[in-house]
Protein backbone atom coordinates (compact mmCIF):
# COMPACT_ATOMS: atom_id res chain seq x y z
CA MET A 1 -2.08 -33.05 20.96
CA SER A 2 -4.41 -30.10 19.91
CA THR A 3 -5.83 -31.08 16.62
CA TYR A 4 -8.41 -27.97 14.78
CA LYS A 5 -11.06 -27.43 12.37
CA THR A 6 -10.83 -24.72 10.98
CA LYS A 7 -11.50 -21.61 7.38
CA ALA A 8 -8.52 -20.47 6.66
CA ILE A 9 -6.94 -17.75 3.63
CA ILE A 10 -3.74 -18.80 2.75
CA LEU A 11 -1.62 -15.71 3.54
CA LYS A 12 2.18 -16.45 2.41
CA THR A 13 3.99 -19.78 1.28
CA GLN A 14 7.09 -20.25 1.22
CA ASP A 15 8.95 -23.88 0.17
CA TYR A 16 10.68 -25.10 2.71
CA ARG A 17 13.40 -28.49 2.67
CA GLU A 18 13.41 -30.96 0.11
CA ASN A 19 9.33 -31.56 -0.49
CA ASP A 20 7.93 -28.95 1.75
CA LYS A 21 6.61 -25.48 2.93
CA ILE A 22 5.88 -23.21 5.28
CA ILE A 23 2.12 -21.87 5.07
CA TRP A 24 1.01 -18.84 6.76
CA LEU A 25 -2.72 -19.29 7.68
CA PHE A 26 -5.33 -16.69 8.48
CA THR A 27 -8.00 -18.95 10.29
CA GLU A 28 -10.89 -18.35 11.44
CA LYS A 29 -10.96 -20.02 14.97
CA ILE A 30 -7.15 -19.22 16.12
CA GLY A 31 -6.20 -16.41 14.38
CA LYS A 32 -2.76 -15.77 12.06
CA ILE A 33 -0.18 -19.14 12.53
CA THR A 34 2.70 -20.60 10.81
CA ALA A 35 2.54 -24.04 9.31
CA ILE A 36 3.59 -27.21 7.81
CA ALA A 37 2.86 -28.91 4.69
CA ARG A 38 4.56 -31.88 4.43
CA GLY A 39 5.17 -33.28 0.89
CA ALA A 40 3.56 -30.62 -0.83
CA LYS A 41 6.02 -29.31 -3.55
CA LYS A 42 5.42 -33.34 -4.49
CA ASN A 43 3.86 -33.83 -7.76
CA ARG A 44 1.12 -35.76 -6.72
CA SER A 45 1.09 -34.63 -3.42
CA LYS A 46 -2.78 -34.08 -1.66
CA PHE A 47 -1.20 -30.19 -1.06
CA LEU A 48 0.51 -29.23 -4.11
CA SER A 49 -3.27 -27.37 -5.33
CA SER A 50 -4.27 -26.43 -1.67
CA THR A 51 -1.25 -24.97 -0.71
CA MET A 52 -1.88 -21.78 -2.99
CA PRO A 53 -1.61 -17.66 -2.17
CA PHE A 54 -5.29 -16.45 -1.46
CA CYS A 55 -6.73 -20.46 -1.12
CA PHE A 56 -9.48 -20.18 1.23
CA GLY A 57 -10.96 -23.78 2.51
CA GLU A 58 -11.20 -26.36 5.30
CA PHE A 59 -8.58 -26.98 7.28
CA VAL A 60 -7.46 -29.47 9.77
CA ILE A 61 -4.62 -28.93 11.60
CA TYR A 62 -2.25 -30.28 14.91
CA ARG A 63 0.23 -28.18 17.17
CA GLY A 64 3.87 -29.87 16.52
CA LYS A 65 6.73 -29.67 18.78
CA SER A 66 7.56 -25.74 17.14
CA MET A 67 4.26 -25.27 14.25
CA TYR A 68 2.02 -26.65 13.62
CA LEU A 69 1.37 -29.19 10.26
CA ILE A 70 -2.12 -29.28 7.86
CA ASN A 71 -3.19 -32.79 8.13
CA GLU A 72 -6.42 -32.29 5.47
CA VAL A 73 -7.36 -29.38 3.33
CA GLN A 74 -11.02 -28.91 1.32
CA ILE A 75 -10.81 -26.13 -0.82
CA ILE A 76 -13.89 -23.91 0.16
CA HIS A 77 -12.32 -22.07 -3.90
CA SER A 78 -8.96 -21.36 -4.38
CA PHE A 79 -9.42 -17.58 -5.89
CA GLY A 80 -6.85 -18.73 -8.79
CA GLU A 81 -8.51 -15.79 -10.47
CA PHE A 82 -6.28 -12.95 -8.39
CA LEU A 83 -3.24 -15.17 -10.11
CA GLU A 84 -4.30 -14.28 -14.14
CA ASP A 85 -4.63 -10.51 -13.40
CA LEU A 86 -1.84 -7.89 -11.99
CA GLU A 87 -4.42 -5.74 -10.42
CA MET A 88 -6.40 -8.34 -8.40
CA LEU A 89 -3.12 -10.13 -7.31
CA THR A 90 -1.42 -6.93 -5.83
CA TYR A 91 -4.53 -6.11 -4.59
CA ALA A 92 -4.83 -9.19 -3.04
CA SER A 93 -1.41 -9.81 -1.50
CA TYR A 94 -1.76 -6.25 -0.32
CA LEU A 95 -4.74 -7.58 2.18
CA ASN A 96 -3.25 -10.86 2.82
CA GLU A 97 0.08 -7.94 3.82
CA LEU A 98 -2.67 -6.79 5.82
CA ILE A 99 -3.47 -9.08 7.83
CA ASP A 100 0.40 -10.23 8.35
CA ILE A 101 1.71 -7.03 10.41
CA ALA A 102 -1.62 -5.98 12.36
CA LEU A 103 -1.91 -9.17 14.13
CA LEU A 104 0.21 -11.30 16.53
CA GLU A 105 0.58 -15.38 15.76
CA GLU A 106 -2.59 -16.63 17.14
CA GLU A 107 -4.86 -13.80 18.19
CA SER A 108 -8.49 -15.11 17.12
CA ASN A 109 -9.94 -12.19 14.74
CA ARG A 110 -13.58 -13.83 13.63
CA GLU A 111 -14.94 -10.44 12.64
CA LEU A 112 -11.97 -9.53 10.61
CA PHE A 113 -11.88 -12.86 8.60
CA LYS A 114 -15.28 -12.43 7.85
CA GLN A 115 -14.02 -8.93 6.13
CA ILE A 116 -10.91 -10.68 4.20
CA VAL A 117 -13.09 -13.22 2.64
CA THR A 118 -15.97 -11.47 1.52
CA ALA A 119 -13.03 -9.02 0.45
CA TYR A 120 -11.94 -11.82 -1.97
CA TYR A 121 -15.48 -12.51 -3.70
CA LEU A 122 -16.24 -9.33 -4.04
CA MET A 123 -12.73 -8.78 -5.96
CA LYS A 124 -13.16 -12.04 -7.92
CA ASN A 125 -16.68 -10.74 -9.62
CA LYS A 126 -15.77 -7.33 -9.78
CA VAL A 127 -17.77 -5.43 -7.86
CA GLY A 128 -17.15 -2.05 -7.87
CA ASP A 129 -14.21 -0.09 -7.57
CA VAL A 130 -11.81 -2.35 -6.02
CA GLU A 131 -9.98 0.49 -4.44
CA ILE A 132 -12.30 1.82 -2.39
CA LEU A 133 -13.48 -2.10 -1.59
CA ILE A 134 -9.35 -2.14 -0.44
CA ARG A 135 -9.80 1.40 1.26
CA ALA A 136 -13.30 0.22 3.05
CA PHE A 137 -11.18 -2.93 4.32
CA GLU A 138 -8.52 -0.58 6.03
CA ILE A 139 -10.54 1.25 7.81
CA LYS A 140 -12.62 -2.26 9.16
CA LEU A 141 -8.57 -3.92 9.43
CA LEU A 142 -8.33 -0.60 11.95
CA ASN A 143 -11.31 -0.74 13.53
CA PHE A 144 -11.26 -4.53 14.52
CA THR A 145 -7.52 -4.18 15.81
CA GLY A 146 -8.57 -1.69 17.91
CA TYR A 147 -7.61 1.47 15.98
CA GLY A 148 -10.78 3.01 14.75
CA LEU A 149 -10.63 6.40 13.85
CA ASN A 150 -13.01 8.83 15.30
CA PHE A 151 -15.26 10.96 12.77
CA GLU A 152 -18.29 12.24 15.38
CA ASN A 153 -15.88 13.50 18.28
CA CYS A 154 -13.21 16.08 17.84
CA CYS A 155 -9.80 13.81 19.14
CA ILE A 156 -8.36 16.86 21.63
CA CYS A 157 -11.22 17.80 22.70
CA GLY A 158 -13.67 15.56 22.53
CA LYS A 159 -16.32 18.02 20.74
CA LYS A 160 -19.01 16.39 18.49
CA ILE A 161 -18.30 17.60 14.38
CA ASN A 162 -20.28 16.74 11.61
CA SER A 163 -16.60 17.51 9.19
CA SER A 164 -14.08 18.55 8.95
CA ASN A 165 -10.99 19.34 7.32
CA TYR A 166 -8.04 17.52 8.90
CA ILE A 167 -7.60 14.24 11.29
CA ASN A 168 -4.57 13.69 13.77
CA LEU A 169 -2.64 10.68 13.05
CA SER A 170 -1.44 10.24 16.57
CA TYR A 171 -4.44 10.48 18.31
CA GLY A 172 -6.90 9.14 15.43
CA GLY A 173 -9.39 11.44 14.13
CA GLY A 174 -11.23 14.05 13.31
CA VAL A 175 -9.66 17.80 14.20
CA CYS A 176 -12.23 21.22 15.03
CA SER A 177 -12.18 23.80 13.93
CA GLU A 178 -11.11 25.46 17.64
CA CYS A 179 -7.92 22.90 17.60
CA ASN A 180 -4.41 22.88 17.27
CA LYS A 181 -3.66 21.08 13.90
CA GLN A 182 -0.42 19.72 13.76
CA GLY A 183 0.66 16.24 13.38
CA GLY A 184 -2.14 15.20 10.86
CA ILE A 185 -2.98 15.60 7.12
CA VAL A 186 -5.38 18.33 5.68
CA LEU A 187 -8.30 16.99 3.68
CA THR A 188 -11.54 18.24 1.66
CA ASN A 189 -14.39 18.77 4.05
CA THR A 190 -16.28 15.52 1.37
CA ALA A 191 -12.75 13.68 1.94
CA TYR A 192 -13.74 13.51 5.60
CA ASN A 193 -17.59 12.61 4.55
CA VAL A 194 -17.04 9.55 2.04
CA LEU A 195 -14.10 7.97 5.05
CA LYS A 196 -16.91 8.64 7.67
CA ILE A 197 -19.22 6.79 5.41
CA LEU A 198 -16.43 4.21 4.55
CA SER A 199 -16.15 3.39 8.27
CA ASN A 200 -19.95 2.53 9.14
CA PHE A 201 -21.24 0.73 5.26
CA PRO A 202 -20.44 -3.03 5.51
CA LEU A 203 -17.94 -4.10 2.44
CA GLU A 204 -20.64 -5.73 0.30
CA LYS A 205 -22.23 -2.23 -0.07
CA VAL A 206 -19.30 0.25 -0.89
CA HIS A 207 -19.98 -0.38 -4.82
CA ARG A 208 -22.18 2.37 -3.96
CA ILE A 209 -20.56 5.41 -3.22
CA ASN A 210 -18.96 6.65 -6.16
CA VAL A 211 -15.25 8.67 -5.91
CA ASN A 212 -13.03 10.69 -7.99
CA GLU A 213 -9.70 10.07 -8.17
CA ASP A 214 -8.40 13.32 -6.55
CA MET A 215 -10.46 12.05 -3.11
CA LYS A 216 -8.88 8.73 -3.96
CA LYS A 217 -5.32 10.44 -3.12
CA GLN A 218 -6.60 11.75 0.06
CA ILE A 219 -8.30 9.14 1.72
CA TYR A 220 -5.04 6.52 0.74
CA LYS A 221 -2.75 9.18 2.10
CA VAL A 222 -5.16 9.50 5.98
CA LEU A 223 -5.31 5.45 5.96
CA SER A 224 -1.73 4.83 4.83
CA GLY A 225 -0.19 7.24 6.88
CA PHE A 226 -2.84 6.08 10.06
CA ILE A 227 -1.71 2.08 9.09
CA VAL A 228 1.98 2.99 9.63
CA GLU A 229 1.16 4.88 12.30
CA ASN A 230 -0.38 2.37 14.43
CA TYR A 231 1.28 -0.78 12.95
CA GLN A 232 4.98 0.61 12.61
CA LYS A 233 5.29 -1.44 9.42
CA THR A 234 5.21 0.06 6.15
CA PRO A 235 3.47 -2.61 3.81
CA LYS A 236 5.01 -2.71 -0.19
CA SER A 237 2.42 -5.07 -1.89
CA LEU A 238 1.25 -1.36 -3.28
CA ASP A 239 4.30 -0.51 -4.58
CA MET A 240 4.75 -1.91 -7.67
CA LEU A 241 1.01 -0.79 -8.77
CA ASN A 242 1.20 2.52 -7.66
CA VAL A 243 4.91 3.36 -10.07
CA PHE A 244 2.66 1.60 -12.86
CA LYS A 245 -0.07 3.44 -12.86
CA GLU A 246 2.17 6.71 -12.04
CA GLY A 247 3.78 5.19 -15.34
CA ASN A 248 0.65 5.21 -17.29
CA LYS A 249 -0.54 8.27 -16.53
CA ASN A 250 2.69 10.22 -17.17
CA GLU A 251 2.38 8.17 -21.37
């Protein structure tokens, strides 16, 4: 029977039977896994506080017949702050959903694990513009799962480009002025350059980048389109927040 001790974050949970929970974990060592926490719903359970969404901790797990079982949890940070702020809750849920749709079961990705933990702490401490942080994370996600956008060369002819006003979603990159512009998204050169900068910036430094609302919309359109193109799933976590924001603008 294989036993592992690994840092992990809880992506989502689901009640199971009378007293148990199914826990979806993103672990540092073995990637995304599904596990059972026995008795986690009981009031006096040792897992009551350590099996909440967003909880970051050191987990001892072992492989059962059909899925993993959680044996011990040492909480590093619960990130309970996310549950008290609708915006933070929505963005944190979105990060978790991205991990869920981008990775296969037991697909280890230590670099991506570092990125989401970093994003959690930056959100918790309200460092910089959360929207830009999320866009930067999306780029890291794409990079670390093999779908990185090419901002340096034309994705069609390979010619070196400094900037562009068009990104082809199918080919995954900028298009030069000489190549055909179909199957992609038009954006300003400035928005293109911001995407290029975000792709090279560490998450902990993206707070230095100031972006206006129009560029935010352009960048979101590109990255959301590229995420759907490559993972073949449309994340739903941001839908309600986007509707709420649009409603506030129209009041």
